[in-house]
Amino acid sequence: MANYGTVFRRVVYLVTGSGIGPVLAHVLAARVPHKLVWVTRDPVKTYGQELVDEILSAQPDALIWDTDAYGKPDMVKLAYSAYEDSGAEAVICVSNRKLTWSVVHGLERLGIPTLGPIWDS
């Protein structure tokens, strides 16, 4: 899924929880300018300080939203804000089926190219 990011000049990766896994190599390699928005429960406790530091080292302006500290955000608004602020051409969402559908269709209604995994098999 995240490989599609390479067809754009700049993207937003909007991921939740362990969705960081499929996009991590892209974030660390930084082949395409991007903005990472990672929404997860207590990232340091859940994934470790080393991973959080590695992500922030690769992308100091990454938004890591701790849902334990701040609650669950409006994901469409969060994605839209990151898209506007970063000058991205598209948003790539990696989350569960329900949230991905909500983000993809919410942003598409605003005219923003948005990609998410499909569950057709």
PDB file of N, CA and C in Angstrom:
ATOM      1  N   MET A   1       0.818  -1.186   0.000  1.00  0.00           N
ATOM      2  CA  MET A   1       0.000   0.000   0.000  1.00  0.00           C
ATOM      3  C   MET A   1       0.868   1.258   0.000  1.00  0.00           C
ATOM      4  N   ALA A   2       1.808   1.308   0.896  1.00  0.00           N
ATOM      5  CA  ALA A   2       2.626   2.510   1.000  1.00  0.00           C
ATOM      6  C   ALA A   2       3.494   2.728  -0.233  1.00  0.00           C
ATOM      7  N   ASN A   3       3.740   1.686  -1.025  1.00  0.00           N
ATOM      8  CA  ASN A   3       4.516   1.852  -2.260  1.00  0.00           C
ATOM      9  C   ASN A   3       3.848   2.822  -3.217  1.00  0.00           C
ATOM     10  N   TYR A   4       2.534   2.962  -3.126  1.00  0.00           N
ATOM     11  CA  TYR A   4       1.835   3.914  -3.989  1.00  0.00           C
ATOM     12  C   TYR A   4       2.291   5.339  -3.721  1.00  0.00           C
ATOM     13  N   GLY A   5       2.850   5.578  -2.570  1.00  0.00           N
ATOM     14  CA  GLY A   5       3.338   6.917  -2.246  1.00  0.00           C
ATOM     15  C   GLY A   5       4.386   7.406  -3.212  1.00  0.00           C
ATOM     16  N   THR A   6       5.097   6.492  -3.857  1.00  0.00           N
ATOM     17  CA  THR A   6       6.172   6.892  -4.758  1.00  0.00           C
ATOM     18  C   THR A   6       5.661   7.472  -6.076  1.00  0.00           C
ATOM     19  N   VAL A   7       4.369   7.371  -6.366  1.00  0.00           N
ATOM     20  CA  VAL A   7       3.848   7.970  -7.599  1.00  0.00           C
ATOM     21  C   VAL A   7       3.467   9.437  -7.400  1.00  0.00           C
ATOM     22  N   PHE A   8       3.568   9.910  -6.174  1.00  0.00           N
ATOM     23  CA  PHE A   8       3.243  11.304  -5.864  1.00  0.00           C
ATOM     24  C   PHE A   8       4.513  12.051  -5.467  1.00  0.00           C
ATOM     25  N   ARG A   9       4.482  13.369  -5.601  1.00  0.00           N
ATOM     26  CA  ARG A   9       5.639  14.183  -5.199  1.00  0.00           C
ATOM     27  C   ARG A   9       5.713  14.369  -3.689  1.00  0.00           C
ATOM     28  N   ARG A  10       4.573  14.327  -3.009  1.00  0.00           N
ATOM     29  CA  ARG A  10       4.526  14.485  -1.544  1.00  0.00           C
ATOM     30  C   ARG A  10       3.234  13.825  -1.051  1.00  0.00           C
ATOM     31  N   VAL A  11       3.330  13.066   0.044  1.00  0.00           N
ATOM     32  CA  VAL A  11       2.164  12.376   0.585  1.00  0.00           C
ATOM     33  C   VAL A  11       2.067  12.562   2.098  1.00  0.00           C
ATOM     34  N   VAL A  12       0.879  12.270   2.599  1.00  0.00           N
ATOM     35  CA  VAL A  12       0.660  12.135   4.028  1.00  0.00           C
ATOM     36  C   VAL A  12       0.426  10.659   4.286  1.00  0.00           C
ATOM     37  N   TYR A  13       1.170  10.092   5.215  1.00  0.00           N
ATOM     38  CA  TYR A  13       0.898   8.742   5.703  1.00  0.00           C
ATOM     39  C   TYR A  13       0.108   8.900   6.984  1.00  0.00           C
ATOM     40  N   LEU A  14      -1.131   8.474   6.983  1.00  0.00           N
ATOM     41  CA  LEU A  14      -1.990   8.513   8.153  1.00  0.00           C
ATOM     42  C   LEU A  14      -2.161   7.075   8.622  1.00  0.00           C
ATOM     43  N   VAL A  15      -1.587   6.753   9.765  1.00  0.00           N
ATOM     44  CA  VAL A  15      -1.621   5.373  10.232  1.00  0.00           C
ATOM     45  C   VAL A  15      -2.077   5.310  11.682  1.00  0.00           C
ATOM     46  N   THR A  16      -2.661   4.181  12.017  1.00  0.00           N
ATOM     47  CA  THR A  16      -3.056   3.960  13.404  1.00  0.00           C
ATOM     48  C   THR A  16      -2.379   2.704  13.918  1.00  0.00           C
ATOM     49  N   GLY A  17      -2.013   2.740  15.195  1.00  0.00           N
ATOM     50  CA  GLY A  17      -1.464   1.577  15.871  1.00  0.00           C
ATOM     51  C   GLY A  17      -0.364   0.881  15.101  1.00  0.00           C
ATOM     52  N   SER A  18      -0.526  -0.429  14.938  1.00  0.00           N
ATOM     53  CA  SER A  18       0.501  -1.227  14.272  1.00  0.00           C
ATOM     54  C   SER A  18       0.554  -0.975  12.771  1.00  0.00           C
ATOM     55  N   GLY A  19      -0.316  -0.120  12.256  1.00  0.00           N
ATOM     56  CA  GLY A  19      -0.235   0.297  10.859  1.00  0.00           C
ATOM     57  C   GLY A  19       1.085   0.992  10.556  1.00  0.00           C
ATOM     58  N   ILE A  20       1.810   1.356  11.610  1.00  0.00           N
ATOM     59  CA  ILE A  20       3.136   1.946  11.397  1.00  0.00           C
ATOM     60  C   ILE A  20       4.053   0.949  10.687  1.00  0.00           C
ATOM     61  N   GLY A  21       3.844  -0.334  10.919  1.00  0.00           N
ATOM     62  CA  GLY A  21       4.700  -1.367  10.323  1.00  0.00           C
ATOM     63  C   GLY A  21       4.806  -1.286   8.810  1.00  0.00           C
ATOM     64  N   PRO A  22       3.671  -1.289   8.101  1.00  0.00           N
ATOM     65  CA  PRO A  22       3.746  -1.258   6.638  1.00  0.00           C
ATOM     66  C   PRO A  22       4.337   0.019   6.050  1.00  0.00           C
ATOM     67  N   VAL A  23       4.334   1.126   6.796  1.00  0.00           N
ATOM     68  CA  VAL A  23       4.865   2.370   6.243  1.00  0.00           C
ATOM     69  C   VAL A  23       6.230   2.745   6.814  1.00  0.00           C
ATOM     70  N   LEU A  24       6.682   2.011   7.808  1.00  0.00           N
ATOM     71  CA  LEU A  24       7.921   2.388   8.492  1.00  0.00           C
ATOM     72  C   LEU A  24       9.119   2.479   7.554  1.00  0.00           C
ATOM     73  N   ALA A  25       9.278   1.524   6.677  1.00  0.00           N
ATOM     74  CA  ALA A  25      10.421   1.564   5.750  1.00  0.00           C
ATOM     75  C   ALA A  25      10.368   2.804   4.870  1.00  0.00           C
ATOM     76  N   HIS A  26       9.169   3.213   4.475  1.00  0.00           N
ATOM     77  CA  HIS A  26       9.011   4.408   3.635  1.00  0.00           C
ATOM     78  C   HIS A  26       9.326   5.678   4.421  1.00  0.00           C
ATOM     79  N   VAL A  27       8.904   5.700   5.674  1.00  0.00           N
ATOM     80  CA  VAL A  27       9.189   6.860   6.521  1.00  0.00           C
ATOM     81  C   VAL A  27      10.697   6.985   6.742  1.00  0.00           C
ATOM     82  N   LEU A  28      11.344   5.874   7.052  1.00  0.00           N
ATOM     83  CA  LEU A  28      12.777   5.918   7.343  1.00  0.00           C
ATOM     84  C   LEU A  28      13.608   6.178   6.093  1.00  0.00           C
ATOM     85  N   ALA A  29      13.197   5.637   4.950  1.00  0.00           N
ATOM     86  CA  ALA A  29      13.953   5.831   3.705  1.00  0.00           C
ATOM     87  C   ALA A  29      13.744   7.239   3.142  1.00  0.00           C
ATOM     88  N   ALA A  30      12.573   7.800   3.379  1.00  0.00           N
ATOM     89  CA  ALA A  30      12.248   9.161   2.927  1.00  0.00           C
ATOM     90  C   ALA A  30      12.540   9.370   1.443  1.00  0.00           C
ATOM     91  N   ARG A  31      12.177   8.382   0.613  1.00  0.00           N
ATOM     92  CA  ARG A  31      12.360   8.536  -0.830  1.00  0.00           C
ATOM     93  C   ARG A  31      11.413   9.576  -1.412  1.00  0.00           C
ATOM     94  N   VAL A  32      10.272   9.745  -0.774  1.00  0.00           N
ATOM     95  CA  VAL A  32       9.274  10.721  -1.199  1.00  0.00           C
ATOM     96  C   VAL A  32       9.019  11.646  -0.012  1.00  0.00           C
ATOM     97  N   PRO A  33       9.053  12.949  -0.224  1.00  0.00           N
ATOM     98  CA  PRO A  33       8.715  13.847   0.885  1.00  0.00           C
ATOM     99  C   PRO A  33       7.330  13.495   1.434  1.00  0.00           C
ATOM    100  N   HIS A  34       7.211  13.465   2.732  1.00  0.00           N
ATOM    101  CA  HIS A  34       5.963  13.037   3.336  1.00  0.00           C
ATOM    102  C   HIS A  34       5.780  13.655   4.719  1.00  0.00           C
ATOM    103  N   LYS A  35       4.573  13.529   5.183  1.00  0.00           N
ATOM    104  CA  LYS A  35       4.217  13.908   6.553  1.00  0.00           C
ATOM    105  C   LYS A  35       3.622  12.654   7.176  1.00  0.00           C
ATOM    106  N   LEU A  36       4.161  12.228   8.300  1.00  0.00           N
ATOM    107  CA  LEU A  36       3.621  11.086   9.016  1.00  0.00           C
ATOM    108  C   LEU A  36       2.698  11.563  10.117  1.00  0.00           C
ATOM    109  N   VAL A  37       1.505  10.995  10.143  1.00  0.00           N
ATOM    110  CA  VAL A  37       0.576  11.180  11.247  1.00  0.00           C
ATOM    111  C   VAL A  37       0.286   9.781  11.776  1.00  0.00           C
ATOM    112  N   TRP A  38       0.749   9.513  13.002  1.00  0.00           N
ATOM    113  CA  TRP A  38       0.590   8.188  13.615  1.00  0.00           C
ATOM    114  C   TRP A  38      -0.246   8.346  14.874  1.00  0.00           C
ATOM    115  N   VAL A  39      -1.412   7.740  14.871  1.00  0.00           N
ATOM    116  CA  VAL A  39      -2.330   7.801  16.002  1.00  0.00           C
ATOM    117  C   VAL A  39      -2.312   6.440  16.682  1.00  0.00           C
ATOM    118  N   THR A  40      -1.895   6.425  17.954  1.00  0.00           N
ATOM    119  CA  THR A  40      -1.730   5.154  18.651  1.00  0.00           C
ATOM    120  C   THR A  40      -1.796   5.341  20.156  1.00  0.00           C
ATOM    121  N   ARG A  41      -2.036   4.250  20.842  1.00  0.00           N
ATOM    122  CA  ARG A  41      -2.012   4.273  22.312  1.00  0.00           C
ATOM    123  C   ARG A  41      -0.568   4.349  22.778  1.00  0.00           C
ATOM    124  N   ASP A  42      -0.312   5.193  23.733  1.00  0.00           N
ATOM    125  CA  ASP A  42       0.985   5.335  24.392  1.00  0.00           C
ATOM    126  C   ASP A  42       2.135   4.741  23.575  1.00  0.00           C
ATOM    127  N   PRO A  43       2.608   5.481  22.553  1.00  0.00           N
ATOM    128  CA  PRO A  43       3.596   4.931  21.623  1.00  0.00           C
ATOM    129  C   PRO A  43       4.882   4.444  22.286  1.00  0.00           C
ATOM    130  N   VAL A  44       5.348   5.134  23.298  1.00  0.00           N
ATOM    131  CA  VAL A  44       6.591   4.710  23.948  1.00  0.00           C
ATOM    132  C   VAL A  44       6.375   3.407  24.699  1.00  0.00           C
ATOM    133  N   LYS A  45       5.304   3.315  25.446  1.00  0.00           N
ATOM    134  CA  LYS A  45       5.013   2.091  26.206  1.00  0.00           C
ATOM    135  C   LYS A  45       4.702   0.916  25.279  1.00  0.00           C
ATOM    136  N   THR A  46       3.959   1.190  24.216  1.00  0.00           N
ATOM    137  CA  THR A  46       3.513   0.128  23.313  1.00  0.00           C
ATOM    138  C   THR A  46       4.603  -0.336  22.354  1.00  0.00           C
ATOM    139  N   TYR A  47       5.372   0.595  21.798  1.00  0.00           N
ATOM    140  CA  TYR A  47       6.338   0.254  20.750  1.00  0.00           C
ATOM    141  C   TYR A  47       7.787   0.490  21.145  1.00  0.00           C
ATOM    142  N   GLY A  48       8.021   1.229  22.214  1.00  0.00           N
ATOM    143  CA  GLY A  48       9.377   1.459  22.705  1.00  0.00           C
ATOM    144  C   GLY A  48       9.929   2.819  22.306  1.00  0.00           C
ATOM    145  N   GLN A  49      10.745   3.365  23.198  1.00  0.00           N
ATOM    146  CA  GLN A  49      11.363   4.675  22.962  1.00  0.00           C
ATOM    147  C   GLN A  49      12.270   4.648  21.739  1.00  0.00           C
ATOM    148  N   GLU A  50      12.950   3.529  21.522  1.00  0.00           N
ATOM    149  CA  GLU A  50      13.884   3.437  20.396  1.00  0.00           C
ATOM    150  C   GLU A  50      13.167   3.636  19.056  1.00  0.00           C
ATOM    151  N   LEU A  51      12.004   3.014  18.890  1.00  0.00           N
ATOM    152  CA  LEU A  51      11.259   3.169  17.637  1.00  0.00           C
ATOM    153  C   LEU A  51      10.749   4.605  17.487  1.00  0.00           C
ATOM    154  N   VAL A  52      10.196   5.155  18.546  1.00  0.00           N
ATOM    155  CA  VAL A  52       9.698   6.529  18.492  1.00  0.00           C
ATOM    156  C   VAL A  52      10.839   7.483  18.138  1.00  0.00           C
ATOM    157  N   ASP A  53      11.996   7.295  18.764  1.00  0.00           N
ATOM    158  CA  ASP A  53      13.153   8.151  18.466  1.00  0.00           C
ATOM    159  C   ASP A  53      13.618   7.987  17.025  1.00  0.00           C
ATOM    160  N   GLU A  54      13.595   6.760  16.521  1.00  0.00           N
ATOM    161  CA  GLU A  54      14.019   6.510  15.136  1.00  0.00           C
ATOM    162  C   GLU A  54      13.092   7.221  14.153  1.00  0.00           C
ATOM    163  N   ILE A  55      11.803   7.167  14.425  1.00  0.00           N
ATOM    164  CA  ILE A  55      10.838   7.852  13.566  1.00  0.00           C
ATOM    165  C   ILE A  55      11.057   9.358  13.610  1.00  0.00           C
ATOM    166  N   LEU A  56      11.199   9.903  14.808  1.00  0.00           N
ATOM    167  CA  LEU A  56      11.392  11.347  14.938  1.00  0.00           C
ATOM    168  C   LEU A  56      12.731  11.813  14.386  1.00  0.00           C
ATOM    169  N   SER A  57      13.721  10.934  14.408  1.00  0.00           N
ATOM    170  CA  SER A  57      15.011  11.270  13.807  1.00  0.00           C
ATOM    171  C   SER A  57      14.867  11.377  12.286  1.00  0.00           C
ATOM    172  N   ALA A  58      14.096  10.470  11.702  1.00  0.00           N
ATOM    173  CA  ALA A  58      13.882  10.472  10.248  1.00  0.00           C
ATOM    174  C   ALA A  58      12.939  11.586   9.831  1.00  0.00           C
ATOM    175  N   GLN A  59      11.967  11.894  10.686  1.00  0.00           N
ATOM    176  CA  GLN A  59      10.994  12.936  10.365  1.00  0.00           C
ATOM    177  C   GLN A  59      10.652  13.722  11.631  1.00  0.00           C
ATOM    178  N   PRO A  60      11.430  14.741  11.921  1.00  0.00           N
ATOM    179  CA  PRO A  60      11.228  15.510  13.157  1.00  0.00           C
ATOM    180  C   PRO A  60       9.843  16.148  13.285  1.00  0.00           C
ATOM    181  N   ASP A  61       9.179  16.407  12.158  1.00  0.00           N
ATOM    182  CA  ASP A  61       7.862  17.030  12.245  1.00  0.00           C
ATOM    183  C   ASP A  61       6.713  16.022  12.201  1.00  0.00           C
ATOM    184  N   ALA A  62       7.028  14.738  12.382  1.00  0.00           N
ATOM    185  CA  ALA A  62       5.971  13.725  12.433  1.00  0.00           C
ATOM    186  C   ALA A  62       5.014  14.063  13.572  1.00  0.00           C
ATOM    187  N   LEU A  63       3.743  13.816  13.356  1.00  0.00           N
ATOM    188  CA  LEU A  63       2.752  13.988  14.405  1.00  0.00           C
ATOM    189  C   LEU A  63       2.446  12.612  14.976  1.00  0.00           C
ATOM    190  N   ILE A  64       2.856  12.388  16.206  1.00  0.00           N
ATOM    191  CA  ILE A  64       2.561  11.128  16.886  1.00  0.00           C
ATOM    192  C   ILE A  64       1.520  11.451  17.951  1.00  0.00           C
ATOM    193  N   TRP A  65       0.291  11.025  17.697  1.00  0.00           N
ATOM    194  CA  TRP A  65      -0.848  11.351  18.549  1.00  0.00           C
ATOM    195  C   TRP A  65      -1.069  10.206  19.529  1.00  0.00           C
ATOM    196  N   ASP A  66      -0.860  10.479  20.796  1.00  0.00           N
ATOM    197  CA  ASP A  66      -1.034   9.494  21.864  1.00  0.00           C
ATOM    198  C   ASP A  66      -2.493   9.522  22.310  1.00  0.00           C
ATOM    199  N   THR A  67      -3.255   8.476  21.960  1.00  0.00           N
ATOM    200  CA  THR A  67      -4.674   8.463  22.305  1.00  0.00           C
ATOM    201  C   THR A  67      -4.902   8.293  23.806  1.00  0.00           C
ATOM    202  N   ASP A  68      -3.942   7.719  24.516  1.00  0.00           N
ATOM    203  CA  ASP A  68      -4.090   7.634  25.971  1.00  0.00           C
ATOM    204  C   ASP A  68      -4.025   9.023  26.591  1.00  0.00           C
ATOM    205  N   ALA A  69      -3.200   9.882  26.051  1.00  0.00           N
ATOM    206  CA  ALA A  69      -3.033  11.235  26.591  1.00  0.00           C
ATOM    207  C   ALA A  69      -4.073  12.216  26.049  1.00  0.00           C
ATOM    208  N   TYR A  70      -4.428  12.097  24.761  1.00  0.00           N
ATOM    209  CA  TYR A  70      -5.254  13.112  24.109  1.00  0.00           C
ATOM    210  C   TYR A  70      -6.623  12.628  23.636  1.00  0.00           C
ATOM    211  N   GLY A  71      -6.893  11.343  23.774  1.00  0.00           N
ATOM    212  CA  GLY A  71      -8.145  10.792  23.275  1.00  0.00           C
ATOM    213  C   GLY A  71      -8.075  10.558  21.775  1.00  0.00           C
ATOM    214  N   LYS A  72      -9.147  10.017  21.236  1.00  0.00           N
ATOM    215  CA  LYS A  72      -9.200   9.722  19.799  1.00  0.00           C
ATOM    216  C   LYS A  72      -9.585  10.979  19.037  1.00  0.00           C
ATOM    217  N   PRO A  73      -8.786  11.328  18.038  1.00  0.00           N
ATOM    218  CA  PRO A  73      -9.088  12.541  17.255  1.00  0.00           C
ATOM    219  C   PRO A  73     -10.101  12.253  16.151  1.00  0.00           C
ATOM    220  N   ASP A  74     -10.611  13.317  15.560  1.00  0.00           N
ATOM    221  CA  ASP A  74     -11.398  13.206  14.335  1.00  0.00           C
ATOM    222  C   ASP A  74     -10.378  12.955  13.233  1.00  0.00           C
ATOM    223  N   MET A  75     -10.320  11.746  12.731  1.00  0.00           N
ATOM    224  CA  MET A  75      -9.266  11.353  11.797  1.00  0.00           C
ATOM    225  C   MET A  75      -9.364  12.067  10.454  1.00  0.00           C
ATOM    226  N   VAL A  76     -10.561  12.340   9.988  1.00  0.00           N
ATOM    227  CA  VAL A  76     -10.694  13.058   8.719  1.00  0.00           C
ATOM    228  C   VAL A  76     -10.153  14.475   8.875  1.00  0.00           C
ATOM    229  N   LYS A  77     -10.494  15.136   9.968  1.00  0.00           N
ATOM    230  CA  LYS A  77      -9.982  16.489  10.204  1.00  0.00           C
ATOM    231  C   LYS A  77      -8.465  16.482  10.385  1.00  0.00           C
ATOM    232  N   LEU A  78      -7.959  15.499  11.103  1.00  0.00           N
ATOM    233  CA  LEU A  78      -6.511  15.400  11.317  1.00  0.00           C
ATOM    234  C   LEU A  78      -5.784  15.180   9.992  1.00  0.00           C
ATOM    235  N   ALA A  79      -6.313  14.287   9.163  1.00  0.00           N
ATOM    236  CA  ALA A  79      -5.711  14.014   7.860  1.00  0.00           C
ATOM    237  C   ALA A  79      -5.785  15.238   6.955  1.00  0.00           C
ATOM    238  N   TYR A  80      -6.934  15.903   6.963  1.00  0.00           N
ATOM    239  CA  TYR A  80      -7.107  17.093   6.130  1.00  0.00           C
ATOM    240  C   TYR A  80      -6.108  18.178   6.535  1.00  0.00           C
ATOM    241  N   SER A  81      -5.958  18.379   7.820  1.00  0.00           N
ATOM    242  CA  SER A  81      -5.023  19.386   8.319  1.00  0.00           C
ATOM    243  C   SER A  81      -3.589  19.057   7.891  1.00  0.00           C
ATOM    244  N   ALA A  82      -3.187  17.807   8.030  1.00  0.00           N
ATOM    245  CA  ALA A  82      -1.832  17.400   7.622  1.00  0.00           C
ATOM    246  C   ALA A  82      -1.654  17.567   6.119  1.00  0.00           C
ATOM    247  N   TYR A  83      -2.673  17.223   5.360  1.00  0.00           N
ATOM    248  CA  TYR A  83      -2.642  17.364   3.902  1.00  0.00           C
ATOM    249  C   TYR A  83      -2.453  18.836   3.507  1.00  0.00           C
ATOM    250  N   GLU A  84      -3.242  19.703   4.090  1.00  0.00           N
ATOM    251  CA  GLU A  84      -3.157  21.137   3.781  1.00  0.00           C
ATOM    252  C   GLU A  84      -1.820  21.724   4.216  1.00  0.00           C
ATOM    253  N   ASP A  85      -1.395  21.419   5.442  1.00  0.00           N
ATOM    254  CA  ASP A  85      -0.166  21.992   5.994  1.00  0.00           C
ATOM    255  C   ASP A  85       1.088  21.529   5.259  1.00  0.00           C
ATOM    256  N   SER A  86       1.055  20.301   4.742  1.00  0.00           N
ATOM    257  CA  SER A  86       2.265  19.728   4.142  1.00  0.00           C
ATOM    258  C   SER A  86       2.377  19.967   2.646  1.00  0.00           C
ATOM    259  N   GLY A  87       1.293  20.393   2.011  1.00  0.00           N
ATOM    260  CA  GLY A  87       1.319  20.547   0.560  1.00  0.00           C
ATOM    261  C   GLY A  87       1.334  19.219  -0.170  1.00  0.00           C
ATOM    262  N   ALA A  88       0.815  18.187   0.464  1.00  0.00           N
ATOM    263  CA  ALA A  88       0.806  16.842  -0.129  1.00  0.00           C
ATOM    264  C   ALA A  88      -0.140  16.774  -1.324  1.00  0.00           C
ATOM    265  N   GLU A  89       0.103  15.774  -2.151  1.00  0.00           N
ATOM    266  CA  GLU A  89      -0.781  15.501  -3.281  1.00  0.00           C
ATOM    267  C   GLU A  89      -1.805  14.429  -2.959  1.00  0.00           C
ATOM    268  N   ALA A  90      -1.533  13.621  -1.932  1.00  0.00           N
ATOM    269  CA  ALA A  90      -2.427  12.515  -1.602  1.00  0.00           C
ATOM    270  C   ALA A  90      -2.222  12.096  -0.150  1.00  0.00           C
ATOM    271  N   VAL A  91      -3.205  11.366   0.351  1.00  0.00           N
ATOM    272  CA  VAL A  91      -3.137  10.777   1.685  1.00  0.00           C
ATOM    273  C   VAL A  91      -3.195   9.266   1.531  1.00  0.00           C
ATOM    274  N   ILE A  92      -2.316   8.586   2.250  1.00  0.00           N
ATOM    275  CA  ILE A  92      -2.323   7.127   2.287  1.00  0.00           C
ATOM    276  C   ILE A  92      -2.669   6.732   3.716  1.00  0.00           C
ATOM    277  N   CYS A  93      -3.774   6.020   3.872  1.00  0.00           N
ATOM    278  CA  CYS A  93      -4.284   5.655   5.187  1.00  0.00           C
ATOM    279  C   CYS A  93      -4.092   4.162   5.415  1.00  0.00           C
ATOM    280  N   VAL A  94      -3.485   3.805   6.541  1.00  0.00           N
ATOM    281  CA  VAL A  94      -3.323   2.407   6.920  1.00  0.00           C
ATOM    282  C   VAL A  94      -3.900   2.250   8.325  1.00  0.00           C
ATOM    283  N   SER A  95      -5.062   1.633   8.383  1.00  0.00           N
ATOM    284  CA  SER A  95      -5.767   1.443   9.643  1.00  0.00           C
ATOM    285  C   SER A  95      -6.690   0.242   9.506  1.00  0.00           C
ATOM    286  N   ASN A  96      -7.629   0.117  10.425  1.00  0.00           N
ATOM    287  CA  ASN A  96      -8.604  -0.964  10.302  1.00  0.00           C
ATOM    288  C   ASN A  96      -9.608  -0.616   9.205  1.00  0.00           C
ATOM    289  N   ARG A  97     -10.409  -1.581   8.834  1.00  0.00           N
ATOM    290  CA  ARG A  97     -11.332  -1.412   7.710  1.00  0.00           C
ATOM    291  C   ARG A  97     -12.287  -0.233   7.918  1.00  0.00           C
ATOM    292  N   LYS A  98     -12.913  -0.177   9.058  1.00  0.00           N
ATOM    293  CA  LYS A  98     -13.923   0.870   9.311  1.00  0.00           C
ATOM    294  C   LYS A  98     -13.312   2.271   9.266  1.00  0.00           C
ATOM    295  N   LEU A  99     -12.205   2.462   9.936  1.00  0.00           N
ATOM    296  CA  LEU A  99     -11.584   3.787   9.968  1.00  0.00           C
ATOM    297  C   LEU A  99     -10.999   4.155   8.608  1.00  0.00           C
ATOM    298  N   THR A 100     -10.370   3.195   7.954  1.00  0.00           N
ATOM    299  CA  THR A 100      -9.824   3.471   6.620  1.00  0.00           C
ATOM    300  C   THR A 100     -10.939   3.911   5.676  1.00  0.00           C
ATOM    301  N   TRP A 101     -12.050   3.192   5.685  1.00  0.00           N
ATOM    302  CA  TRP A 101     -13.173   3.549   4.818  1.00  0.00           C
ATOM    303  C   TRP A 101     -13.642   4.965   5.125  1.00  0.00           C
ATOM    304  N   SER A 102     -13.781   5.282   6.411  1.00  0.00           N
ATOM    305  CA  SER A 102     -14.238   6.612   6.820  1.00  0.00           C
ATOM    306  C   SER A 102     -13.287   7.705   6.331  1.00  0.00           C
ATOM    307  N   VAL A 103     -11.991   7.499   6.505  1.00  0.00           N
ATOM    308  CA  VAL A 103     -11.001   8.504   6.096  1.00  0.00           C
ATOM    309  C   VAL A 103     -10.953   8.627   4.573  1.00  0.00           C
ATOM    310  N   VAL A 104     -10.858   7.500   3.889  1.00  0.00           N
ATOM    311  CA  VAL A 104     -10.762   7.532   2.429  1.00  0.00           C
ATOM    312  C   VAL A 104     -11.978   8.237   1.825  1.00  0.00           C
ATOM    313  N   HIS A 105     -13.156   7.835   2.226  1.00  0.00           N
ATOM    314  CA  HIS A 105     -14.352   8.433   1.633  1.00  0.00           C
ATOM    315  C   HIS A 105     -14.575   9.866   2.116  1.00  0.00           C
ATOM    316  N   GLY A 106     -14.234  10.153   3.361  1.00  0.00           N
ATOM    317  CA  GLY A 106     -14.358  11.516   3.865  1.00  0.00           C
ATOM    318  C   GLY A 106     -13.467  12.486   3.113  1.00  0.00           C
ATOM    319  N   LEU A 107     -12.220  12.076   2.855  1.00  0.00           N
ATOM    320  CA  LEU A 107     -11.296  12.955   2.131  1.00  0.00           C
ATOM    321  C   LEU A 107     -11.620  13.018   0.641  1.00  0.00           C
ATOM    322  N   GLU A 108     -12.053  11.901   0.064  1.00  0.00           N
ATOM    323  CA  GLU A 108     -12.423  11.920  -1.354  1.00  0.00           C
ATOM    324  C   GLU A 108     -13.587  12.871  -1.597  1.00  0.00           C
ATOM    325  N   ARG A 109     -14.511  12.953  -0.640  1.00  0.00           N
ATOM    326  CA  ARG A 109     -15.633  13.902  -0.779  1.00  0.00           C
ATOM    327  C   ARG A 109     -15.134  15.345  -0.801  1.00  0.00           C
ATOM    328  N   LEU A 110     -13.965  15.564  -0.230  1.00  0.00           N
ATOM    329  CA  LEU A 110     -13.355  16.898  -0.241  1.00  0.00           C
ATOM    330  C   LEU A 110     -12.438  17.098  -1.451  1.00  0.00           C
ATOM    331  N   GLY A 111     -12.386  16.084  -2.328  1.00  0.00           N
ATOM    332  CA  GLY A 111     -11.573  16.182  -3.529  1.00  0.00           C
ATOM    333  C   GLY A 111     -10.106  15.844  -3.321  1.00  0.00           C
ATOM    334  N   ILE A 112      -9.785  15.174  -2.224  1.00  0.00           N
ATOM    335  CA  ILE A 112      -8.396  14.832  -1.916  1.00  0.00           C
ATOM    336  C   ILE A 112      -8.133  13.384  -2.311  1.00  0.00           C
ATOM    337  N   PRO A 113      -7.149  13.145  -3.189  1.00  0.00           N
ATOM    338  CA  PRO A 113      -6.817  11.765  -3.527  1.00  0.00           C
ATOM    339  C   PRO A 113      -6.368  11.010  -2.265  1.00  0.00           C
ATOM    340  N   THR A 114      -7.027   9.906  -1.986  1.00  0.00           N
ATOM    341  CA  THR A 114      -6.767   9.149  -0.772  1.00  0.00           C
ATOM    342  C   THR A 114      -6.780   7.675  -1.088  1.00  0.00           C
ATOM    343  N   LEU A 115      -5.790   6.962  -0.571  1.00  0.00           N
ATOM    344  CA  LEU A 115      -5.651   5.530  -0.803  1.00  0.00           C
ATOM    345  C   LEU A 115      -5.666   4.791   0.526  1.00  0.00           C
ATOM    346  N   GLY A 116      -6.238   3.609   0.506  1.00  0.00           N
ATOM    347  CA  GLY A 116      -6.226   2.740   1.664  1.00  0.00           C
ATOM    348  C   GLY A 116      -6.249   1.302   1.184  1.00  0.00           C
ATOM    349  N   PRO A 117      -5.888   0.363   2.039  1.00  0.00           N
ATOM    350  CA  PRO A 117      -5.927  -1.037   1.632  1.00  0.00           C
ATOM    351  C   PRO A 117      -7.349  -1.469   1.331  1.00  0.00           C
ATOM    352  N   ILE A 118      -7.457  -2.493   0.497  1.00  0.00           N
ATOM    353  CA  ILE A 118      -8.773  -3.072   0.228  1.00  0.00           C
ATOM    354  C   ILE A 118      -8.807  -4.465   0.838  1.00  0.00           C
ATOM    355  N   TRP A 119      -9.979  -4.898   1.174  1.00  0.00           N
ATOM    356  CA  TRP A 119     -10.146  -6.218   1.787  1.00  0.00           C
ATOM    357  C   TRP A 119     -11.085  -7.007   0.896  1.00  0.00           C
ATOM    358  N   ASP A 120     -10.599  -7.431  -0.263  1.00  0.00           N
ATOM    359  CA  ASP A 120     -11.466  -8.085  -1.243  1.00  0.00           C
ATOM    360  C   ASP A 120     -11.257  -9.591  -1.311  1.00  0.00           C
ATOM    361  N   SER A 121     -10.432 -10.134  -0.461  1.00  0.00           N
ATOM    362  CA  SER A 121     -10.243 -11.586  -0.537  1.00  0.00           C
ATOM    363  C   SER A 121     -10.511 -12.225   0.795  1.00  0.00           C
TER     364      SER A 121
END
